Protein backbone atom coordinates (compact mmCIF):
# COMPACT_ATOMS: atom_id res chain seq x y z
CA MET A 1 79.48 153.23 80.51
CA GLY A 2 81.60 155.16 82.96
CA LYS A 3 78.46 154.81 85.57
CA ILE A 4 77.92 150.70 84.81
CA LYS A 5 81.53 150.61 85.42
CA PHE A 6 81.46 152.33 88.42
CA LEU A 7 78.41 150.32 89.61
CA ALA A 8 79.83 146.89 88.71
CA GLY A 9 83.03 148.05 90.47
CA ALA A 10 81.16 149.21 93.79
CA ALA A 11 79.07 145.97 93.64
CA LEU A 12 82.06 143.79 93.60
CA PHE A 13 83.76 145.83 96.28
CA VAL A 14 80.62 145.43 98.35
CA LEU A 15 80.42 141.45 97.67
CA GLY A 16 84.41 141.54 98.22
CA VAL A 17 83.99 142.81 101.98
CA PHE A 18 81.38 140.91 102.90
CA GLY A 19 82.69 137.52 101.19
CA GLY A 20 85.84 138.24 103.21
CA ASN A 21 84.29 138.86 106.06
CA ALA A 22 82.05 135.78 105.68
CA LEU A 23 85.14 133.51 104.57
CA TYR A 24 87.18 135.19 107.85
CA GLN A 25 84.03 133.73 110.17
CA TRP A 26 83.74 130.61 108.50
CA LEU A 27 87.81 130.15 109.16
CA SER A 28 87.47 131.29 112.72
CA GLU A 29 85.20 128.82 113.70
CA HIS A 30 86.55 126.03 111.49
CA SER A 31 90.67 126.57 111.62
CA GLU A 32 92.46 124.30 113.97
CA GLY A 33 93.88 125.29 117.47
CA HIS A 34 91.37 126.94 119.29
CA LEU A 35 87.51 125.66 119.40
CA ALA A 36 84.64 127.77 118.26
CA ALA A 37 82.46 129.07 120.81
CA GLN A 38 79.61 126.68 120.20
CA ASP A 39 81.69 123.75 119.65
CA MET A 40 82.58 124.34 123.77
CA VAL A 41 79.37 123.17 125.05
CA THR A 42 79.47 119.87 126.48
CA ARG A 43 83.41 120.04 127.50
CA HIS A 44 84.82 120.59 130.68
CA ARG A 45 85.94 123.90 131.47
CA PRO A 46 89.33 125.15 130.87
CA ASP A 47 91.61 125.75 134.15
CA PHE A 48 93.16 129.20 134.90
CA SER A 49 94.03 131.55 137.35
CA LEU A 50 94.09 135.04 137.77
CA PRO A 51 94.31 138.04 140.59
CA ASP A 52 90.90 139.09 141.93
CA LEU A 53 90.60 142.86 143.05
CA ASP A 54 92.62 142.33 146.27
CA GLY A 55 95.63 140.79 144.48
CA LYS A 56 94.91 137.70 145.89
CA ILE A 57 95.08 134.56 142.98
CA ARG A 58 91.97 132.74 142.53
CA ASN A 59 91.27 129.67 140.76
CA ILE A 60 88.44 128.82 138.58
CA ALA A 61 88.22 125.21 140.38
CA GLU A 62 87.70 127.33 143.61
CA TRP A 63 83.68 127.41 141.93
CA ASP A 64 83.44 123.85 141.05
CA GLY A 65 80.18 122.50 142.36
CA LYS A 66 78.39 125.64 141.58
CA VAL A 67 76.60 126.73 138.49
CA THR A 68 79.65 129.39 137.42
CA VAL A 69 78.75 132.22 134.95
CA LEU A 70 81.63 133.45 133.70
CA ASN A 71 81.73 136.65 132.32
CA PHE A 72 84.39 138.49 130.14
CA TRP A 73 84.04 142.05 130.57
CA ALA A 74 85.53 145.71 130.20
CA THR A 75 84.94 148.86 131.65
CA TRP A 76 85.45 150.85 128.19
CA CYS A 77 82.70 148.46 126.65
CA PRO A 78 78.61 149.79 127.05
CA PRO A 79 77.26 146.63 126.46
CA CYS A 80 79.25 144.84 129.40
CA LYS A 81 78.18 147.81 131.74
CA ARG A 82 74.64 147.24 130.78
CA GLU A 83 74.63 143.78 131.88
CA ILE A 84 76.41 143.95 135.00
CA PRO A 85 73.19 145.19 136.87
CA THR A 86 71.02 142.14 135.98
CA PHE A 87 74.02 140.15 137.04
CA ILE A 88 74.27 141.76 140.46
CA GLN A 89 70.34 140.63 140.96
CA LEU A 90 70.95 137.58 139.68
CA GLN A 91 73.97 136.56 142.03
CA GLU A 92 71.85 138.23 144.99
CA GLN A 93 68.34 136.06 144.06
CA TYR A 94 69.94 132.75 142.98
CA ALA A 95 73.33 132.53 145.40
CA SER A 96 71.54 130.61 148.15
CA LYS A 97 70.84 128.10 145.29
CA GLY A 98 74.35 127.13 144.26
CA VAL A 99 74.96 130.19 141.41
CA GLN A 100 78.41 132.09 141.51
CA PHE A 101 79.23 134.70 138.81
CA VAL A 102 82.66 135.68 137.94
CA GLY A 103 83.57 138.67 136.36
CA VAL A 104 87.21 138.22 134.01
CA ALA A 105 87.71 141.87 133.51
CA ILE A 106 90.22 142.53 130.57
CA ASP A 107 91.28 145.85 131.77
CA THR A 108 94.01 147.17 134.41
CA PRO A 109 92.81 147.36 138.29
CA ASP A 110 93.34 151.15 138.41
CA LYS A 111 89.96 151.17 136.15
CA VAL A 112 88.15 147.80 137.34
CA ILE A 113 88.41 148.59 141.22
CA PRO A 114 86.63 152.05 140.82
CA TYR A 115 83.97 150.94 138.60
CA THR A 116 83.05 147.69 140.49
CA ASP A 117 83.35 149.71 143.71
CA GLY A 118 80.74 152.50 141.88
CA ALA A 119 78.34 149.78 140.57
CA ARG A 120 78.56 147.31 143.86
CA VAL A 121 79.72 144.44 142.07
CA ASN A 122 78.61 141.58 144.68
CA TYR A 123 80.55 138.74 142.90
CA PRO A 124 84.22 138.35 142.68
CA THR A 125 85.78 139.96 139.99
CA LEU A 126 89.38 138.95 138.26
CA ILE A 127 92.14 141.11 137.24
CA GLY A 128 92.78 139.53 133.51
CA GLU A 129 94.15 142.27 131.82
CA GLN A 130 95.56 140.74 128.58
CA ASN A 131 95.99 137.59 129.70
CA ALA A 132 92.40 137.21 130.08
CA VAL A 133 91.93 137.04 126.54
CA SER A 134 94.13 134.09 125.94
CA ILE A 135 91.54 132.75 128.51
CA SER A 136 88.39 134.31 126.67
CA HIS A 137 90.16 132.31 123.78
CA ALA A 138 90.41 128.73 125.59
CA PHE A 139 86.42 129.38 126.48
CA GLY A 140 85.78 129.60 122.61
CA ASN A 141 85.94 133.59 121.83
CA ARG A 142 88.20 133.43 119.07
CA LEU A 143 86.59 136.49 117.70
CA ASP A 144 87.44 138.48 120.72
CA ALA A 145 83.85 139.59 121.28
CA LEU A 146 83.01 141.49 124.66
CA PRO A 147 81.00 140.40 126.58
CA TYR A 148 81.52 137.25 126.32
CA THR A 149 79.56 135.00 128.84
CA VAL A 150 80.06 131.15 129.47
CA VAL A 151 77.54 128.96 132.13
CA ILE A 152 79.41 126.23 133.45
CA ASP A 153 77.19 123.26 135.25
CA ARG A 154 78.17 121.70 138.87
CA ARG A 155 80.29 118.93 136.99
CA GLY A 156 83.02 121.89 135.55
CA THR A 157 80.56 121.45 131.80
CA ILE A 158 80.13 124.45 129.41
CA ALA A 159 76.52 124.31 129.21
CA PHE A 160 76.55 127.97 127.43
CA VAL A 161 78.28 130.32 125.67
CA HIS A 162 77.25 133.94 124.23
CA ARG A 163 78.92 136.75 122.73
CA GLY A 164 77.21 140.00 123.02
CA GLU A 165 75.22 140.83 126.01
CA VAL A 166 72.87 138.31 128.02
CA THR A 167 69.61 139.45 129.44
CA ARG A 168 68.07 138.64 132.42
CA GLU A 169 65.56 135.90 130.61
CA MET A 170 68.46 134.50 128.52
CA ALA A 171 70.63 133.85 132.08
CA GLU A 172 67.52 132.71 133.50
CA GLN A 173 66.21 130.45 130.83
CA THR A 174 70.43 128.64 131.01
CA ILE A 175 70.99 128.93 134.91
CA LEU A 176 67.68 127.48 135.93
CA PRO A 177 67.52 124.35 134.43
CA LEU A 178 71.24 123.59 136.06
CA LEU A 179 69.85 124.17 139.71
């Protein structure tokens, strides 16, 4: 009888954990305030300004008219660091066609600058620190996922959002139709 109670208790615990997580995700996607990631597609991109690696304030509107790939990342995030070489290659390959990658680091300058220098990042990187978390929320990232990537078309409309690592194939499938 004790074994049955233990197994029943364990089963209820597991169901509670999974059910609680499912409820949390459902509430996150359906609560008022910030829109969920997929609800951002077809909406006009939010406005924001942040300093770049040189401390110059840059506004997202600076890249209006281009296909902009906005990538929220951090130096302590392994999948973020894995996708950056792909973004460097894609920036080089598609810049002449009007594609602009923009990194938004949820990190401090003393960590971002040496990393971007060492990786030879060839696109603008903005230093957001904790402000970047709020900005990523405005772009639908209510679960604070990293990396988090948003593709904005030439008119400023959000065409794609993705939580997690973006592959080259995924990026090209999204970018090429927008050129």
